[in-house]
Amino acid sequence: MTTSRLLSIVYGAFVWILGVSVYLLSFSFPLLDNVELQSSIALFLGIIPSACLGTYLFYKKGRMRPCVLALTFVLIATILDIFITVPVFIIPTGGSYATFFGDPMFFIIIVEFFFTVVYFRKYTLQKTAS
């Protein structure tokens, strides 16, 4: 059980790294006038394959209920956002904790992240195992 907990934390951090990479990379290709909206849209789209990959890799080695894994992934990502994303990437560009965590898109992405992990495990991976 301890191995599964540790794996869930490691893969949660891995998914967070992929998400932050997509978020930051989207600033390099300004397609919209509002680059903040563009980065949120990129993260919204990029979190789906990132969460699926993290879930797939976790279940190759670990065992955990899908809701618990999803909650772990969300908590790890939020903690890393508090300690790394906001101070390193958001505050230097004029943002704040309030603007980052007060953005409705943040909560939409968290809900999407949670349900992507649960769905991918419950419906996709279980069907291939049968």
C-alpha atoms as a PDB file:
ATOM      1  CA  MET A   1       0.000   0.000   0.000  1.00  0.00           C
ATOM      2  CA  THR A   2       2.849   2.388   0.778  1.00  0.00           C
ATOM      3  CA  THR A   3       4.301   1.757  -2.667  1.00  0.00           C
ATOM      4  CA  SER A   4       0.992   2.706  -4.291  1.00  0.00           C
ATOM      5  CA  ARG A   5       0.812   5.915  -2.245  1.00  0.00           C
ATOM      6  CA  LEU A   6       4.343   6.864  -3.222  1.00  0.00           C
ATOM      7  CA  LEU A   7       3.659   6.013  -6.870  1.00  0.00           C
ATOM      8  CA  SER A   8       0.500   8.125  -6.852  1.00  0.00           C
ATOM      9  CA  ILE A   9       2.486  11.099  -5.543  1.00  0.00           C
ATOM     10  CA  VAL A  10       5.275  10.597  -8.091  1.00  0.00           C
ATOM     11  CA  TYR A  11       2.863  10.249 -11.026  1.00  0.00           C
ATOM     12  CA  GLY A  12       0.788  13.153  -9.727  1.00  0.00           C
ATOM     13  CA  ALA A  13       3.915  15.307  -9.815  1.00  0.00           C
ATOM     14  CA  PHE A  14       4.688  13.958 -13.295  1.00  0.00           C
ATOM     15  CA  VAL A  15       1.241  15.010 -14.545  1.00  0.00           C
ATOM     16  CA  TRP A  16       1.726  18.418 -12.918  1.00  0.00           C
ATOM     17  CA  ILE A  17       5.065  18.833 -14.743  1.00  0.00           C
ATOM     18  CA  LEU A  18       3.368  17.993 -18.043  1.00  0.00           C
ATOM     19  CA  GLY A  19       0.552  20.456 -17.290  1.00  0.00           C
ATOM     20  CA  VAL A  20       2.896  23.292 -16.343  1.00  0.00           C
ATOM     21  CA  SER A  21       4.950  22.583 -19.463  1.00  0.00           C
ATOM     22  CA  VAL A  22       1.874  22.867 -21.682  1.00  0.00           C
ATOM     23  CA  TYR A  23       0.817  26.037 -19.850  1.00  0.00           C
ATOM     24  CA  LEU A  24       4.207  27.709 -20.242  1.00  0.00           C
ATOM     25  CA  LEU A  25       4.776  26.471 -23.789  1.00  0.00           C
ATOM     26  CA  SER A  26       1.504  28.032 -24.896  1.00  0.00           C
ATOM     27  CA  PHE A  27       2.960  31.489 -24.206  1.00  0.00           C
ATOM     28  CA  SER A  28       5.566  30.849 -26.911  1.00  0.00           C
ATOM     29  CA  PHE A  29       2.916  30.669 -29.637  1.00  0.00           C
ATOM     30  CA  PRO A  30       0.573  33.661 -29.268  1.00  0.00           C
ATOM     31  CA  LEU A  31      -2.505  32.781 -31.289  1.00  0.00           C
ATOM     32  CA  LEU A  32      -5.022  34.848 -29.307  1.00  0.00           C
ATOM     33  CA  ASP A  33      -4.807  38.455 -28.161  1.00  0.00           C
ATOM     34  CA  ASN A  34      -5.398  37.304 -24.587  1.00  0.00           C
ATOM     35  CA  VAL A  35      -2.439  35.015 -23.877  1.00  0.00           C
ATOM     36  CA  GLU A  36      -3.744  34.163 -20.395  1.00  0.00           C
ATOM     37  CA  LEU A  37      -6.939  32.791 -21.910  1.00  0.00           C
ATOM     38  CA  GLN A  38      -4.885  30.972 -24.530  1.00  0.00           C
ATOM     39  CA  SER A  39      -2.715  29.328 -21.860  1.00  0.00           C
ATOM     40  CA  SER A  40      -5.801  28.277 -19.897  1.00  0.00           C
ATOM     41  CA  ILE A  41      -7.334  26.746 -23.027  1.00  0.00           C
ATOM     42  CA  ALA A  42      -4.043  24.963 -23.784  1.00  0.00           C
ATOM     43  CA  LEU A  43      -3.936  23.566 -20.251  1.00  0.00           C
ATOM     44  CA  PHE A  44      -7.605  22.575 -20.467  1.00  0.00           C
ATOM     45  CA  LEU A  45      -6.832  20.550 -23.591  1.00  0.00           C
ATOM     46  CA  GLY A  46      -3.404  19.337 -22.459  1.00  0.00           C
ATOM     47  CA  ILE A  47      -4.490  17.991 -19.086  1.00  0.00           C
ATOM     48  CA  ILE A  48      -6.557  15.220 -20.690  1.00  0.00           C
ATOM     49  CA  PRO A  49      -3.666  13.286 -22.299  1.00  0.00           C
ATOM     50  CA  SER A  50      -1.405  14.132 -19.347  1.00  0.00           C
ATOM     51  CA  ALA A  51      -3.881  12.734 -16.806  1.00  0.00           C
ATOM     52  CA  CYS A  52      -4.501   9.653 -18.955  1.00  0.00           C
ATOM     53  CA  LEU A  53      -0.770   8.997 -19.255  1.00  0.00           C
ATOM     54  CA  GLY A  54      -0.224   9.419 -15.506  1.00  0.00           C
ATOM     55  CA  THR A  55      -3.170   7.132 -14.750  1.00  0.00           C
ATOM     56  CA  TYR A  56      -1.981   4.502 -17.212  1.00  0.00           C
ATOM     57  CA  LEU A  57       1.562   4.515 -15.812  1.00  0.00           C
ATOM     58  CA  PHE A  58       0.292   4.339 -12.232  1.00  0.00           C
ATOM     59  CA  TYR A  59      -1.947   1.343 -12.843  1.00  0.00           C
ATOM     60  CA  LYS A  60       0.869  -0.576 -14.520  1.00  0.00           C
ATOM     61  CA  LYS A  61       2.524  -0.839 -11.083  1.00  0.00           C
ATOM     62  CA  GLY A  62       0.095   0.369  -8.411  1.00  0.00           C
ATOM     63  CA  ARG A  63      -3.353  -0.338  -7.018  1.00  0.00           C
ATOM     64  CA  MET A  64      -5.730   2.301  -5.728  1.00  0.00           C
ATOM     65  CA  ARG A  65      -9.373   3.201  -6.123  1.00  0.00           C
ATOM     66  CA  PRO A  66      -9.815   5.608  -9.056  1.00  0.00           C
ATOM     67  CA  CYS A  67     -11.419   8.350  -6.946  1.00  0.00           C
ATOM     68  CA  VAL A  68      -8.572   8.205  -4.430  1.00  0.00           C
ATOM     69  CA  LEU A  69      -5.972   8.364  -7.188  1.00  0.00           C
ATOM     70  CA  ALA A  70      -7.767  11.294  -8.817  1.00  0.00           C
ATOM     71  CA  LEU A  71      -7.983  13.148  -5.507  1.00  0.00           C
ATOM     72  CA  THR A  72      -4.286  12.473  -4.871  1.00  0.00           C
ATOM     73  CA  PHE A  73      -3.350  13.806  -8.306  1.00  0.00           C
ATOM     74  CA  VAL A  74      -5.441  16.951  -7.746  1.00  0.00           C
ATOM     75  CA  LEU A  75      -4.011  17.554  -4.265  1.00  0.00           C
ATOM     76  CA  ILE A  76      -0.420  17.066  -5.439  1.00  0.00           C
ATOM     77  CA  ALA A  77      -0.974  19.442  -8.364  1.00  0.00           C
ATOM     78  CA  THR A  78      -2.558  22.055  -6.080  1.00  0.00           C
ATOM     79  CA  ILE A  79       0.252  21.819  -3.526  1.00  0.00           C
ATOM     80  CA  LEU A  80       2.863  22.162  -6.272  1.00  0.00           C
ATOM     81  CA  ASP A  81       0.932  25.136  -7.671  1.00  0.00           C
ATOM     82  CA  ILE A  82       1.021  26.780  -4.234  1.00  0.00           C
ATOM     83  CA  PHE A  83       4.740  26.256  -3.684  1.00  0.00           C
ATOM     84  CA  ILE A  84       6.176  26.402  -7.219  1.00  0.00           C
ATOM     85  CA  THR A  85       3.841  27.599  -9.993  1.00  0.00           C
ATOM     86  CA  VAL A  86       2.557  30.777  -8.360  1.00  0.00           C
ATOM     87  CA  PRO A  87       5.808  32.048  -6.804  1.00  0.00           C
ATOM     88  CA  VAL A  88       8.033  31.147  -9.766  1.00  0.00           C
ATOM     89  CA  PHE A  89       5.813  31.772 -12.793  1.00  0.00           C
ATOM     90  CA  ILE A  90       2.747  33.824 -11.809  1.00  0.00           C
ATOM     91  CA  ILE A  91       3.951  36.430  -9.282  1.00  0.00           C
ATOM     92  CA  PRO A  92       6.950  37.597 -11.395  1.00  0.00           C
ATOM     93  CA  THR A  93       4.553  38.401 -14.267  1.00  0.00           C
ATOM     94  CA  GLY A  94       2.326  40.559 -12.053  1.00  0.00           C
ATOM     95  CA  GLY A  95      -0.116  37.900 -10.871  1.00  0.00           C
ATOM     96  CA  SER A  96      -0.917  36.800  -7.353  1.00  0.00           C
ATOM     97  CA  TYR A  97      -2.227  33.837  -5.432  1.00  0.00           C
ATOM     98  CA  ALA A  98      -5.679  35.424  -5.482  1.00  0.00           C
ATOM     99  CA  THR A  99      -5.749  35.867  -9.257  1.00  0.00           C
ATOM    100  CA  PHE A 100      -4.409  32.350  -9.881  1.00  0.00           C
ATOM    101  CA  PHE A 101      -6.674  30.478  -7.462  1.00  0.00           C
ATOM    102  CA  GLY A 102      -9.605  32.838  -7.991  1.00  0.00           C
ATOM    103  CA  ASP A 103      -9.753  32.199 -11.717  1.00  0.00           C
ATOM    104  CA  PRO A 104     -12.835  30.095 -12.552  1.00  0.00           C
ATOM    105  CA  MET A 105     -10.801  28.242 -15.177  1.00  0.00           C
ATOM    106  CA  PHE A 106      -8.612  26.862 -12.366  1.00  0.00           C
ATOM    107  CA  PHE A 107     -11.597  25.102 -10.826  1.00  0.00           C
ATOM    108  CA  ILE A 108     -12.895  23.908 -14.191  1.00  0.00           C
ATOM    109  CA  ILE A 109      -9.506  22.342 -14.922  1.00  0.00           C
ATOM    110  CA  ILE A 110      -9.419  20.678 -11.484  1.00  0.00           C
ATOM    111  CA  VAL A 111     -12.840  19.116 -12.041  1.00  0.00           C
ATOM    112  CA  GLU A 112     -11.805  18.026 -15.529  1.00  0.00           C
ATOM    113  CA  PHE A 113      -8.573  16.557 -14.133  1.00  0.00           C
ATOM    114  CA  PHE A 114     -10.422  14.588 -11.453  1.00  0.00           C
ATOM    115  CA  PHE A 115     -13.020  13.121 -13.791  1.00  0.00           C
ATOM    116  CA  THR A 116     -10.469  12.347 -16.515  1.00  0.00           C
ATOM    117  CA  VAL A 117      -8.493  10.157 -14.104  1.00  0.00           C
ATOM    118  CA  VAL A 118     -11.627   8.432 -12.811  1.00  0.00           C
ATOM    119  CA  TYR A 119     -13.084   7.889 -16.281  1.00  0.00           C
ATOM    120  CA  PHE A 120      -9.826   6.661 -17.781  1.00  0.00           C
ATOM    121  CA  ARG A 121      -9.402   4.051 -15.053  1.00  0.00           C
ATOM    122  CA  LYS A 122     -12.997   2.934 -14.712  1.00  0.00           C
ATOM    123  CA  TYR A 123     -13.967   2.711 -18.351  1.00  0.00           C
ATOM    124  CA  THR A 124     -10.894   2.626 -20.559  1.00  0.00           C
ATOM    125  CA  LEU A 125      -8.361   0.572 -18.637  1.00  0.00           C
ATOM    126  CA  GLN A 126     -10.901  -1.897 -17.220  1.00  0.00           C
ATOM    127  CA  LYS A 127     -12.289  -2.651 -20.691  1.00  0.00           C
ATOM    128  CA  THR A 128      -8.835  -3.442 -22.029  1.00  0.00           C
ATOM    129  CA  ALA A 129      -8.120  -5.708 -19.038  1.00  0.00           C
ATOM    130  CA  SER A 130     -11.269  -7.760 -19.676  1.00  0.00           C
END
